[in-house]
Each structure stands twice: as structure tokens, then as C-alpha cells.
C-alpha atoms as a PDB file:
ATOM      1  CA  MET A   1      44.806 -44.089 -20.305  1.00  0.00           C
ATOM      2  CA  ALA A   2      41.580 -42.164 -19.831  1.00  0.00           C
ATOM      3  CA  LYS A   3      38.388 -43.842 -18.718  1.00  0.00           C
ATOM      4  CA  TRP A   4      35.876 -44.296 -21.522  1.00  0.00           C
ATOM      5  CA  ILE A   5      32.554 -42.566 -20.926  1.00  0.00           C
ATOM      6  CA  ALA A   6      29.509 -43.142 -23.138  1.00  0.00           C
ATOM      7  CA  LYS A   7      28.278 -40.023 -24.922  1.00  0.00           C
ATOM      8  CA  HIS A   8      24.732 -41.299 -25.378  1.00  0.00           C
ATOM      9  CA  GLU A   9      22.388 -43.955 -24.066  1.00  0.00           C
ATOM     10  CA  ALA A  10      22.545 -47.438 -25.506  1.00  0.00           C
ATOM     11  CA  PRO A  11      19.635 -48.257 -27.826  1.00  0.00           C
ATOM     12  CA  GLU A  12      16.869 -50.573 -26.696  1.00  0.00           C
ATOM     13  CA  PRO A  13      17.430 -54.210 -27.720  1.00  0.00           C
ATOM     14  CA  LEU A  14      15.555 -55.385 -30.776  1.00  0.00           C
ATOM     15  CA  GLU A  15      12.760 -57.815 -30.071  1.00  0.00           C
ATOM     16  CA  GLY A  16      11.533 -60.090 -32.794  1.00  0.00           C
ATOM     17  CA  PRO A  17      10.360 -63.629 -33.392  1.00  0.00           C
ATOM     18  CA  VAL A  18      13.115 -65.091 -31.215  1.00  0.00           C
ATOM     19  CA  VAL A  19      11.525 -68.512 -30.684  1.00  0.00           C
ATOM     20  CA  ALA A  20      10.909 -68.943 -34.409  1.00  0.00           C
ATOM     21  CA  THR A  21      14.444 -67.838 -35.243  1.00  0.00           C
ATOM     22  CA  VAL A  22      16.085 -70.257 -32.803  1.00  0.00           C
ATOM     23  CA  THR A  23      13.770 -73.084 -33.897  1.00  0.00           C
ATOM     24  CA  GLY A  24      14.616 -72.437 -37.542  1.00  0.00           C
ATOM     25  CA  GLY A  25      18.342 -72.426 -36.784  1.00  0.00           C
ATOM     26  CA  THR A  26      18.041 -75.681 -34.846  1.00  0.00           C
ATOM     27  CA  ILE A  27      16.186 -77.342 -37.717  1.00  0.00           C
ATOM     28  CA  LEU A  28      18.881 -76.105 -40.101  1.00  0.00           C
ATOM     29  CA  TRP A  29      21.690 -77.600 -37.966  1.00  0.00           C
ATOM     30  CA  PHE A  30      19.922 -80.965 -37.749  1.00  0.00           C
ATOM     31  CA  ALA A  31      19.200 -80.896 -41.503  1.00  0.00           C
ATOM     32  CA  LEU A  32      22.880 -80.261 -42.239  1.00  0.00           C
ATOM     33  CA  PHE A  33      23.819 -83.134 -39.922  1.00  0.00           C
ATOM     34  CA  VAL A  34      21.445 -85.522 -41.706  1.00  0.00           C
ATOM     35  CA  VAL A  35      22.634 -84.392 -45.153  1.00  0.00           C
ATOM     36  CA  GLN A  36      26.268 -85.050 -44.198  1.00  0.00           C
ATOM     37  CA  LEU A  37      25.683 -88.515 -42.715  1.00  0.00           C
ATOM     38  CA  PRO A  38      25.814 -90.362 -46.079  1.00  0.00           C
ATOM     39  CA  PHE A  39      29.256 -88.802 -46.635  1.00  0.00           C
ATOM     40  CA  TYR A  40      30.615 -89.849 -43.216  1.00  0.00           C
ATOM     41  CA  GLY A  41      33.340 -91.998 -44.797  1.00  0.00           C
ATOM     42  CA  TRP A  42      34.387 -89.222 -47.148  1.00  0.00           C
ATOM     43  CA  PHE A  43      34.773 -86.816 -44.211  1.00  0.00           C
ATOM     44  CA  ALA A  44      36.613 -89.485 -42.175  1.00  0.00           C
ATOM     45  CA  ASP A  45      39.100 -90.177 -44.992  1.00  0.00           C
ATOM     46  CA  ARG A  46      40.024 -86.508 -45.175  1.00  0.00           C
ATOM     47  CA  GLY A  47      40.129 -85.851 -41.420  1.00  0.00           C
ATOM     48  CA  GLN A  48      37.120 -83.550 -41.588  1.00  0.00           C
ATOM     49  CA  LEU A  49      34.714 -85.376 -39.264  1.00  0.00           C
ATOM     50  CA  TRP A  50      34.412 -82.253 -37.148  1.00  0.00           C
ATOM     51  CA  TRP A  51      32.049 -80.859 -39.819  1.00  0.00           C
ATOM     52  CA  VAL A  52      29.535 -83.619 -39.117  1.00  0.00           C
ATOM     53  CA  TRP A  53      29.819 -83.397 -35.344  1.00  0.00           C
ATOM     54  CA  THR A  54      29.675 -79.604 -35.367  1.00  0.00           C
ATOM     55  CA  CYS A  55      26.268 -79.826 -37.035  1.00  0.00           C
ATOM     56  CA  ALA A  56      25.091 -82.390 -34.479  1.00  0.00           C
ATOM     57  CA  ALA A  57      26.322 -80.221 -31.605  1.00  0.00           C
ATOM     58  CA  GLY A  58      24.628 -77.178 -33.120  1.00  0.00           C
ATOM     59  CA  GLY A  59      21.351 -79.063 -33.291  1.00  0.00           C
ATOM     60  CA  PHE A  60      21.522 -80.254 -29.695  1.00  0.00           C
ATOM     61  CA  LEU A  61      22.589 -76.853 -28.407  1.00  0.00           C
ATOM     62  CA  GLY A  62      19.702 -75.410 -30.410  1.00  0.00           C
ATOM     63  CA  LEU A  63      17.320 -77.614 -28.413  1.00  0.00           C
ATOM     64  CA  ILE A  64      18.659 -76.013 -25.244  1.00  0.00           C
ATOM     65  CA  GLY A  65      18.252 -72.631 -26.913  1.00  0.00           C
ATOM     66  CA  ILE A  66      14.617 -73.334 -27.754  1.00  0.00           C
ATOM     67  CA  TRP A  67      13.942 -74.277 -24.132  1.00  0.00           C
ATOM     68  CA  TYR A  68      15.664 -71.077 -22.976  1.00  0.00           C
ATOM     69  CA  VAL A  69      13.951 -68.625 -25.332  1.00  0.00           C
ATOM     70  CA  ARG A  70      10.519 -70.145 -24.687  1.00  0.00           C
ATOM     71  CA  GLY A  71      11.051 -69.609 -20.957  1.00  0.00           C
ATOM     72  CA  ARG A  72      12.312 -66.085 -21.577  1.00  0.00           C
ATOM     73  CA  GLU A  73       9.307 -65.261 -23.728  1.00  0.00           C
ATOM     74  CA  ALA A  74       6.926 -66.590 -21.056  1.00  0.00           C
ATOM     75  CA  ALA A  75       8.721 -64.563 -18.359  1.00  0.00           C
ATOM     76  CA  LEU A  76       8.511 -61.389 -20.445  1.00  0.00           C
ATOM     77  CA  LYS A  77       4.808 -62.003 -21.009  1.00  0.00           C
ATOM     78  CA  ARG A  78       4.209 -62.567 -17.273  1.00  0.00           C
ATOM     79  CA  HIS A  79       6.106 -59.388 -16.447  1.00  0.00           C
ATOM     80  CA  ALA A  80       4.107 -57.353 -18.963  1.00  0.00           C
ATOM     81  CA  GLU A  81       0.831 -58.710 -17.587  1.00  0.00           C
ATOM     82  CA  SER A  82       1.798 -57.991 -13.972  1.00  0.00           C
ATOM     83  CA  THR A  83       2.929 -54.478 -14.895  1.00  0.00           C
ATOM     84  CA  ALA A  84      -0.336 -53.823 -16.721  1.00  0.00           C
ATOM     85  CA  ALA A  85      -2.326 -55.144 -13.751  1.00  0.00           C
ATOM     86  CA  ALA A  86      -0.377 -52.937 -11.342  1.00  0.00           C
ATOM     87  CA  ARG A  87      -0.972 -49.879 -13.525  1.00  0.00           C
ATOM     88  CA  SER A  88      -4.673 -50.591 -13.808  1.00  0.00           C
ATOM     89  CA  GLU A  89      -4.903 -50.869  -9.993  1.00  0.00           C
ATOM     90  CA  LEU A  90      -3.158 -47.526  -9.606  1.00  0.00           C
ATOM     91  CA  ASP A  91      -5.448 -45.870 -12.170  1.00  0.00           C
ATOM     92  CA  THR A  92      -8.642 -47.110 -10.477  1.00  0.00           C
ATOM     93  CA  PRO A  93      -9.959 -44.462  -7.990  1.00  0.00           C
END
């Protein structure tokens, strides 16, 4: 089997409103959890309780995701500021 070699460079990753996207997804998971709570007995009777707990787990994992992407965004901002400061020092005669 021959080794695979890329024929072109990988594209740059897309950057967007990551914090807002993860926050929106987390809110959606918690909303689905709350909407399903009144039907807990219905899900239990049919052996489908995993639907309810999947939504709860998604919400709690989303909280971890919010913490992570906020830290990532702050680190990217710090890096951009330090790079800009270093460039401005190099450009100053």
C-alpha cells in the first residue's frame, strides 16, 4: 500500500462566532431537557429515558464547552495583541 501524500495545503480553519454558537447549543440542550421533564413517566414506561438524560448531559457538557471556547478566544486575542506589539516594535526605527 502506497503512502498517501497531500497534493495541496489544507485550508485555513473557519473562524466565526464560536462562543455564541456553543452557548446557543447549550441553551438548546437544556431547553430540550426541560421540555421532556413533564413526560418523564412516558419515557420511563417505554424504556426511552436515555432521551431525557442525553439532553441533560448535552447541557452540562455544553457548560464545559462554553468555558473552553471563552478561554480559547481570550488566548487567541492575547496572541494577536502580542504579535501586533512585536511587529510594531520591529517597525519602529
